[in-house]
N, C-alpha and C. Protein backbone atom coordinates (compact mmCIF):
# COMPACT_ATOMS: atom_id res chain seq x y z
N THR A 1 -70.43 253.82 -2.96
CA THR A 1 -70.78 254.86 -3.72
C THR A 1 -69.54 256.12 -3.02
N GLU A 2 -70.01 257.29 -3.70
CA GLU A 2 -69.35 258.55 -3.07
C GLU A 2 -69.86 259.41 -2.23
N SER A 3 -71.36 259.41 -2.96
CA SER A 3 -72.39 260.20 -2.44
C SER A 3 -72.89 259.86 -1.78
N PRO A 4 -73.78 259.81 -0.58
CA PRO A 4 -74.50 259.43 0.20
C PRO A 4 -76.11 259.02 -0.89
N THR A 5 -77.13 257.86 -0.40
CA THR A 5 -78.29 257.50 -1.09
C THR A 5 -79.08 257.67 -0.63
N MET A 6 -80.32 257.76 -1.14
CA MET A 6 -81.14 257.20 -0.34
C MET A 6 -81.57 256.46 1.11
N ALA A 7 -81.22 255.06 -0.06
CA ALA A 7 -81.24 253.51 0.30
C ALA A 7 -79.86 253.14 0.69
N PRO A 8 -79.76 252.31 1.48
CA PRO A 8 -78.44 251.28 2.20
C PRO A 8 -77.33 250.74 0.53
N THR A 9 -76.39 250.66 0.70
CA THR A 9 -75.93 250.00 -0.12
C THR A 9 -75.40 248.80 0.07
N LYS A 10 -74.89 247.95 -0.52
CA LYS A 10 -73.81 246.85 -0.08
C LYS A 10 -72.15 247.24 0.43
N LYS A 11 -72.07 248.44 -0.77
CA LYS A 11 -70.75 248.72 -0.69
C LYS A 11 -70.54 249.38 0.54
N LEU A 12 -69.80 249.87 1.55
CA LEU A 12 -69.38 250.42 2.55
C LEU A 12 -68.82 251.80 1.38
N THR A 13 -68.83 252.80 2.30
CA THR A 13 -68.59 254.42 2.14
C THR A 13 -67.05 254.37 2.63
N ARG A 14 -65.67 255.10 2.16
CA ARG A 14 -64.77 255.57 3.06
C ARG A 14 -64.93 256.35 4.16
N SER A 15 -65.67 256.92 4.02
CA SER A 15 -65.90 257.78 5.27
C SER A 15 -67.21 258.45 6.33
N PRO A 16 -67.46 258.72 7.08
CA PRO A 16 -68.84 259.15 7.45
C PRO A 16 -69.36 260.41 6.28
N THR A 17 -70.79 259.93 6.37
CA THR A 17 -71.50 261.06 5.33
C THR A 17 -71.55 262.77 5.27
N SER A 18 -71.96 262.48 7.18
CA SER A 18 -72.15 264.00 7.84
C SER A 18 -71.57 264.31 9.30
N ASP A 19 -71.36 265.31 9.89
CA ASP A 19 -70.99 264.56 11.01
C ASP A 19 -71.94 264.86 12.32
N PRO A 20 -71.60 265.02 13.63
CA PRO A 20 -72.92 264.75 14.64
C PRO A 20 -73.35 265.99 14.28
N THR A 21 -74.45 265.92 14.52
CA THR A 21 -75.65 266.45 15.04
C THR A 21 -74.99 267.89 16.55
N GLY A 22 -74.52 267.50 17.29
CA GLY A 22 -73.99 268.07 18.74
C GLY A 22 -73.64 267.65 19.24
N THR A 23 -73.95 268.00 20.71
CA THR A 23 -73.11 267.17 22.24
C THR A 23 -74.42 267.26 22.79
N PRO A 24 -74.38 265.91 23.14
CA PRO A 24 -75.79 265.99 24.11
C PRO A 24 -75.82 266.76 25.40
N LYS A 25 -77.23 266.92 25.84
CA LYS A 25 -77.20 268.11 26.45
C LYS A 25 -77.43 267.01 28.12
N THR A 26 -77.34 265.88 28.38
CA THR A 26 -77.53 265.37 29.51
C THR A 26 -76.17 265.04 29.83
N GLY A 27 -75.96 264.21 31.27
CA GLY A 27 -74.83 263.75 31.47
C GLY A 27 -74.60 262.42 30.70
N SER A 28 -73.34 261.48 31.52
CA SER A 28 -73.20 260.14 31.49
C SER A 28 -75.01 259.46 31.61
N PRO A 29 -74.81 258.48 31.22
CA PRO A 29 -76.10 257.50 30.98
C PRO A 29 -75.40 256.80 32.59
N THR A 30 -76.79 256.91 33.22
CA THR A 30 -76.49 256.07 34.35
C THR A 30 -77.18 254.70 35.11
N VAL A 31 -76.88 253.77 36.00
CA VAL A 31 -77.40 252.71 35.38
C VAL A 31 -77.71 252.63 37.12
N SER A 32 -78.96 252.32 37.34
CA SER A 32 -79.17 252.42 39.06
C SER A 32 -79.05 251.08 39.27
N THR A 33 -78.78 251.16 40.55
CA THR A 33 -78.15 249.71 41.31
C THR A 33 -79.10 249.22 42.28
N THR A 34 -79.76 249.95 42.57
CA THR A 34 -81.16 249.58 43.41
C THR A 34 -82.36 249.66 42.90
N THR A 35 -82.88 248.41 43.50
CA THR A 35 -84.02 248.18 43.05
C THR A 35 -85.13 248.58 43.86
N SER A 36 -86.61 248.82 43.65
CA SER A 36 -87.04 249.44 44.42
C SER A 36 -87.89 248.28 44.93
N CYS A 37 -88.14 248.54 46.05
CA CYS A 37 -88.96 247.67 47.38
C CYS A 37 -90.14 248.43 48.10
N THR A 38 -90.88 248.35 47.00
CA THR A 38 -92.36 248.58 47.84
C THR A 38 -93.35 247.83 47.36
N ASP A 39 -94.45 248.16 47.97
CA ASP A 39 -95.35 246.80 48.23
C ASP A 39 -96.18 246.92 46.71
N SER A 40 -96.59 245.61 46.34
CA SER A 40 -97.55 245.57 44.94
C SER A 40 -98.74 245.68 45.65
N LEU A 41 -99.75 245.52 44.55
CA LEU A 41 -100.99 245.60 44.90
C LEU A 41 -101.68 244.24 44.82
N PHE A 42 -101.44 243.55 46.21
CA PHE A 42 -100.87 242.26 46.70
C PHE A 42 -102.27 242.19 47.19
N TYR A 43 -102.51 241.44 47.63
CA TYR A 43 -104.43 241.21 48.13
C TYR A 43 -104.41 239.66 48.77
N PHE A 44 -104.17 239.34 49.74
CA PHE A 44 -103.94 237.99 50.43
C PHE A 44 -105.00 236.91 50.30
N SER A 45 -105.01 236.11 49.25
CA SER A 45 -105.55 235.12 49.21
C SER A 45 -107.25 235.68 48.42
N SER A 46 -106.96 236.95 47.62
CA SER A 46 -108.17 237.86 47.17
C SER A 46 -109.10 238.50 47.97
N LYS A 47 -108.61 238.71 49.25
CA LYS A 47 -109.27 239.24 50.19
C LYS A 47 -109.32 240.78 50.16
N ALA A 48 -110.07 241.52 50.94
CA ALA A 48 -109.75 242.62 51.07
C ALA A 48 -108.96 243.19 51.95
N LYS A 49 -107.59 242.42 52.04
CA LYS A 49 -106.44 242.79 52.97
C LYS A 49 -105.07 243.22 51.88
N ASN A 50 -105.18 244.50 51.51
CA ASN A 50 -103.98 244.38 50.99
C ASN A 50 -102.57 244.83 51.86
N CYS A 51 -101.41 244.76 51.55
CA CYS A 51 -100.26 244.44 52.22
C CYS A 51 -100.10 245.53 53.88
N LYS A 52 -100.68 247.12 53.92
CA LYS A 52 -100.48 247.10 55.22
C LYS A 52 -101.92 246.78 56.19
N LYS A 53 -103.26 246.88 55.48
CA LYS A 53 -104.17 245.98 56.02
C LYS A 53 -104.22 244.73 56.88
N LEU A 54 -103.24 244.01 56.55
CA LEU A 54 -103.16 242.30 56.32
C LEU A 54 -102.20 242.11 57.45
N VAL A 55 -101.34 243.52 58.05
CA VAL A 55 -100.51 243.62 59.72
C VAL A 55 -100.58 244.88 60.41
N LYS A 56 -101.95 245.17 59.68
CA LYS A 56 -102.18 246.42 60.88
C LYS A 56 -102.68 246.11 62.25
N ASN A 57 -102.54 246.49 63.52
CA ASN A 57 -102.51 246.23 64.62
C ASN A 57 -102.31 244.83 64.82
N LYS A 58 -100.99 244.26 64.15
CA LYS A 58 -100.42 242.91 64.95
C LYS A 58 -99.10 243.73 65.66
N THR A 59 -98.75 242.83 66.34
CA THR A 59 -97.85 243.00 67.22
C THR A 59 -96.59 242.44 65.89
N GLU A 60 -95.22 242.44 66.29
CA GLU A 60 -94.12 242.07 65.49
C GLU A 60 -93.87 241.38 65.08
N GLN A 61 -93.84 240.34 66.18
CA GLN A 61 -94.22 238.74 65.77
C GLN A 61 -94.99 238.45 65.00
N GLN A 62 -96.99 238.58 65.40
CA GLN A 62 -97.22 238.42 64.42
C GLN A 62 -97.78 238.47 63.18
N ALA A 63 -96.70 240.31 62.60
CA ALA A 63 -96.62 240.46 61.10
C ALA A 63 -95.57 239.28 60.52
N LYS A 64 -94.71 239.21 61.71
CA LYS A 64 -93.52 238.08 61.02
C LYS A 64 -94.42 236.77 59.83
N MET A 65 -95.21 236.44 61.19
CA MET A 65 -95.67 234.86 60.73
C MET A 65 -96.70 235.58 59.47
N LEU A 66 -97.59 236.64 59.21
CA LEU A 66 -97.94 237.00 57.97
C LEU A 66 -97.39 237.11 56.98
N CYS A 67 -96.07 237.53 56.96
CA CYS A 67 -95.24 237.97 56.15
C CYS A 67 -94.61 236.56 55.58
N ASP A 68 -94.20 235.41 56.39
CA ASP A 68 -93.71 234.14 55.67
C ASP A 68 -95.01 233.40 55.49
N LYS A 69 -96.42 233.29 55.45
CA LYS A 69 -97.38 232.87 54.72
C LYS A 69 -97.88 232.96 53.73
N TRP A 70 -97.81 231.38 53.30
CA TRP A 70 -97.91 231.54 51.88
C TRP A 70 -99.93 231.42 51.46
N ASP A 71 -100.30 232.12 50.76
CA ASP A 71 -102.00 232.17 50.28
C ASP A 71 -102.13 231.27 49.15
N LYS A 72 -103.20 231.14 49.05
CA LYS A 72 -104.06 230.03 48.28
C LYS A 72 -103.05 229.94 47.09
N PHE A 73 -102.95 230.85 46.23
CA PHE A 73 -102.90 231.06 45.13
C PHE A 73 -100.90 230.84 45.01
N GLY A 74 -100.53 230.55 46.31
CA GLY A 74 -98.97 229.72 46.01
C GLY A 74 -97.91 230.81 46.28
N ARG A 75 -98.49 232.13 46.70
CA ARG A 75 -97.87 233.51 46.48
C ARG A 75 -97.18 233.72 47.67
N GLN A 76 -96.09 234.17 48.42
CA GLN A 76 -95.75 234.28 49.97
C GLN A 76 -95.44 235.39 50.02
N THR A 77 -96.50 235.67 51.12
CA THR A 77 -96.52 237.73 51.52
C THR A 77 -95.66 238.19 51.14
N LYS A 78 -94.62 238.48 51.95
CA LYS A 78 -93.54 238.70 51.91
C LYS A 78 -92.70 239.42 50.93
N ASN A 79 -93.19 238.65 49.62
CA ASN A 79 -92.22 238.38 47.98
C ASN A 79 -92.79 240.13 47.71
N HIS A 80 -93.98 239.98 48.30
CA HIS A 80 -95.15 240.95 47.80
C HIS A 80 -95.16 241.88 48.66
N CYS A 81 -95.39 241.85 49.48
CA CYS A 81 -94.79 243.25 50.42
C CYS A 81 -93.81 243.60 51.40
N PRO A 82 -92.79 243.76 50.28
CA PRO A 82 -91.40 244.21 50.76
C PRO A 82 -91.25 244.90 52.17
N LYS A 83 -91.76 246.02 51.54
CA LYS A 83 -92.03 247.52 52.51
C LYS A 83 -92.23 246.93 53.51
N THR A 84 -93.74 246.39 53.76
CA THR A 84 -94.46 246.40 54.82
C THR A 84 -94.05 244.95 55.74
N CYS A 85 -93.33 244.11 55.24
CA CYS A 85 -92.65 243.02 55.93
C CYS A 85 -91.09 243.65 56.09
N LYS A 86 -90.14 244.19 55.82
CA LYS A 86 -89.15 244.78 56.18
C LYS A 86 -88.03 243.69 55.53
N LEU A 87 -88.62 243.55 54.13
CA LEU A 87 -87.88 242.78 53.66
C LEU A 87 -86.37 243.48 52.73
N ASP A 88 -85.29 242.81 53.30
CA ASP A 88 -83.96 243.40 52.21
C ASP A 88 -84.28 242.76 50.83
N CYS A 89 -84.55 244.54 49.69
CA CYS A 89 -84.24 244.03 48.72
C CYS A 89 -83.70 243.52 48.23
N ALA A 90 -82.23 243.23 48.14
CA ALA A 90 -81.34 241.97 47.53
C ALA A 90 -82.06 241.11 47.45
N GLU A 91 -82.60 240.26 49.15
CA GLU A 91 -82.84 238.80 49.38
C GLU A 91 -84.71 239.17 48.39
N ARG A 92 -85.08 239.52 48.24
CA ARG A 92 -86.24 239.70 47.88
C ARG A 92 -86.02 239.18 46.18
N CYS A 93 -85.15 239.96 45.37
CA CYS A 93 -85.30 239.54 44.37
C CYS A 93 -83.79 238.71 43.62
N ALA A 94 -83.19 237.85 44.92
CA ALA A 94 -82.70 236.78 44.19
C ALA A 94 -83.56 235.56 44.39
N ASN A 95 -82.19 234.73 43.66
CA ASN A 95 -83.36 233.44 43.53
C ASN A 95 -82.72 232.71 44.90
N ASP A 96 -83.89 231.90 45.00
CA ASP A 96 -83.48 230.96 46.49
C ASP A 96 -82.29 229.70 45.90
N ALA A 97 -81.23 229.86 46.50
CA ALA A 97 -79.63 229.09 45.98
C ALA A 97 -79.98 227.60 46.56
N ASP A 98 -80.83 227.31 47.36
CA ASP A 98 -81.36 225.71 47.69
C ASP A 98 -82.52 224.74 47.07
N TYR A 99 -83.78 226.12 46.28
CA TYR A 99 -84.75 225.66 45.81
C TYR A 99 -84.52 224.59 44.36
N VAL A 100 -85.08 223.54 44.64
CA VAL A 100 -84.52 223.16 43.13
C VAL A 100 -85.88 221.66 43.33
N VAL A 101 -86.29 221.88 41.67
CA VAL A 101 -87.42 221.40 41.21
C VAL A 101 -87.25 219.68 40.95
N THR A 102 -88.28 218.76 41.11
CA THR A 102 -87.62 217.92 40.76
C THR A 102 -89.06 217.40 39.79
N ARG A 103 -88.64 216.81 38.43
CA ARG A 103 -89.60 216.78 37.69
C ARG A 103 -88.86 214.78 36.93
N THR A 104 -90.26 214.36 37.15
CA THR A 104 -90.23 212.96 36.22
C THR A 104 -90.39 212.78 34.98
N LYS A 105 -89.38 212.58 34.16
CA LYS A 105 -89.70 212.48 32.23
C LYS A 105 -89.33 211.09 31.98
N GLY A 106 -90.57 210.33 31.31
CA GLY A 106 -90.64 208.95 31.42
C GLY A 106 -89.86 208.13 32.43
N LYS A 107 -88.79 208.19 32.32
CA LYS A 107 -87.99 207.01 33.18
C LYS A 107 -86.50 207.76 34.25
N LYS A 108 -86.73 209.02 33.48
CA LYS A 108 -85.67 209.70 34.21
C LYS A 108 -85.86 210.58 35.17
N GLU A 109 -85.20 210.78 36.04
CA GLU A 109 -85.59 212.26 37.34
C GLU A 109 -84.78 212.99 36.89
N LEU A 110 -85.62 214.59 36.82
CA LEU A 110 -84.76 215.03 36.54
C LEU A 110 -85.24 216.66 37.80
N THR A 111 -83.58 217.18 37.70
CA THR A 111 -83.73 218.12 39.07
C THR A 111 -82.92 219.17 38.05
N TYR A 112 -83.89 220.67 38.25
CA TYR A 112 -83.85 222.08 37.91
C TYR A 112 -83.46 222.57 39.11
N ASN A 113 -82.35 223.78 39.19
CA ASN A 113 -82.12 224.61 40.16
C ASN A 113 -82.77 225.85 39.52
N CYS A 114 -83.08 227.27 40.27
CA CYS A 114 -83.19 228.09 40.24
C CYS A 114 -82.80 228.99 38.09
N ASP A 115 -81.39 228.75 38.28
CA ASP A 115 -80.82 229.25 37.14
C ASP A 115 -81.57 228.21 36.09
N GLU A 116 -81.79 227.28 36.32
CA GLU A 116 -82.70 226.40 35.18
C GLU A 116 -83.73 226.88 34.91
N ILE A 117 -84.73 227.88 35.02
CA ILE A 117 -85.96 228.06 35.43
C ILE A 117 -86.41 229.44 35.06
N PRO A 118 -87.02 229.68 34.12
CA PRO A 118 -88.04 228.66 33.42
C PRO A 118 -86.96 228.02 32.78
N ASN A 119 -88.19 226.49 31.63
CA ASN A 119 -87.62 225.86 30.66
C ASN A 119 -89.19 225.18 30.10
N GLN A 120 -88.90 224.15 29.62
CA GLN A 120 -90.13 223.39 28.98
C GLN A 120 -90.41 222.54 29.98
N ASP A 121 -90.15 222.28 30.96
CA ASP A 121 -91.01 221.39 31.98
C ASP A 121 -91.42 222.06 33.42
N VAL A 122 -90.81 223.34 33.24
CA VAL A 122 -90.45 223.95 34.82
C VAL A 122 -90.94 225.97 33.97
N LEU A 123 -92.39 225.98 34.62
CA LEU A 123 -91.89 227.48 34.34
C LEU A 123 -92.42 228.23 35.50
N CYS A 124 -92.35 229.69 35.78
CA CYS A 124 -92.48 230.24 36.74
C CYS A 124 -93.83 230.09 37.83
N ASN A 125 -94.74 229.83 36.96
CA ASN A 125 -96.11 229.59 37.55
C ASN A 125 -96.42 228.23 37.67
N THR A 126 -95.70 227.35 37.07
CA THR A 126 -96.02 226.41 37.65
C THR A 126 -96.17 226.20 39.50
N ILE A 127 -96.98 225.24 40.07
CA ILE A 127 -96.99 225.21 41.32
C ILE A 127 -96.35 223.89 41.56
N VAL A 128 -95.67 223.80 42.56
CA VAL A 128 -94.92 222.20 43.13
C VAL A 128 -95.33 222.74 44.73
N GLU A 129 -96.26 221.81 45.29
CA GLU A 129 -96.21 221.39 47.10
C GLU A 129 -97.08 222.70 47.65
N LYS A 130 -98.15 223.20 46.52
CA LYS A 130 -98.96 224.42 46.62
C LYS A 130 -98.13 226.25 46.61
N GLN A 131 -97.04 226.11 45.88
CA GLN A 131 -96.67 227.24 45.94
C GLN A 131 -95.58 227.37 44.82
N LEU A 132 -95.70 228.84 44.35
CA LEU A 132 -95.11 228.95 42.63
C LEU A 132 -93.90 228.93 42.51
N VAL A 133 -93.56 228.56 41.76
CA VAL A 133 -91.94 228.43 41.63
C VAL A 133 -91.54 229.90 41.50
N GLY A 134 -91.85 230.22 41.32
CA GLY A 134 -91.54 231.80 41.02
C GLY A 134 -91.10 232.51 42.35
N GLU A 135 -91.91 232.41 43.35
CA GLU A 135 -91.47 232.02 44.63
C GLU A 135 -89.64 232.46 45.07
N TYR A 136 -89.97 231.25 44.45
CA TYR A 136 -88.48 231.48 44.76
C TYR A 136 -87.24 231.28 44.14
N CYS A 137 -87.53 231.58 42.80
CA CYS A 137 -86.80 232.07 41.85
C CYS A 137 -87.10 232.87 40.97
N ARG A 138 -86.75 234.08 42.28
CA ARG A 138 -87.80 235.06 41.62
C ARG A 138 -86.22 236.20 40.79
N ALA A 139 -85.48 235.93 40.62
CA ALA A 139 -84.35 236.39 39.35
C ALA A 139 -84.96 236.17 38.54
N SER A 140 -84.33 235.12 38.12
CA SER A 140 -84.40 234.35 37.25
C SER A 140 -86.12 234.67 36.38
N CYS A 141 -87.39 234.47 37.39
CA CYS A 141 -88.80 234.16 36.75
C CYS A 141 -88.59 236.29 36.75
N GLY A 142 -87.84 236.90 37.40
CA GLY A 142 -88.07 238.43 36.83
C GLY A 142 -89.17 239.21 37.44
N MET A 143 -88.99 238.65 39.19
CA MET A 143 -90.13 238.88 40.32
C MET A 143 -89.89 240.80 40.71
N CYS A 144 -88.40 241.43 39.89
CA CYS A 144 -87.88 242.57 40.48
C CYS A 144 -88.13 243.08 39.11
N GLY A 145 -88.35 242.81 38.15
CA GLY A 145 -88.67 243.54 36.50
C GLY A 145 -87.54 243.46 35.57
């Protein structure tokens, strides 16, 4: 067609039908390379202890031990309290390169690393040895959004 139509057509037009409406008023789009390392609304084992209360009045050594601790839901404290636990953002948001999950399927033993998770056999909320897979596979499971 030579003139603009209301409905799309199968045949392409030779040239654009109108000029741009103007220049954008903002600068070039930017991509943030930093990830926010703020504490979540984490409560250790559902008790009334959020990140700050968990380490309140604790020595540095005691706080480190608490930050490395796993709660009864399979969550590691430092992953949910990175600011309080002084966890490096890049570390928090990365997969654990050494983590592997083994599953038996029939007579076969299958192993999956974090780059292969989630899948039909292993999900981020799968618990292995009382620990959530997503706590190890933080990048693959979208831990940092």
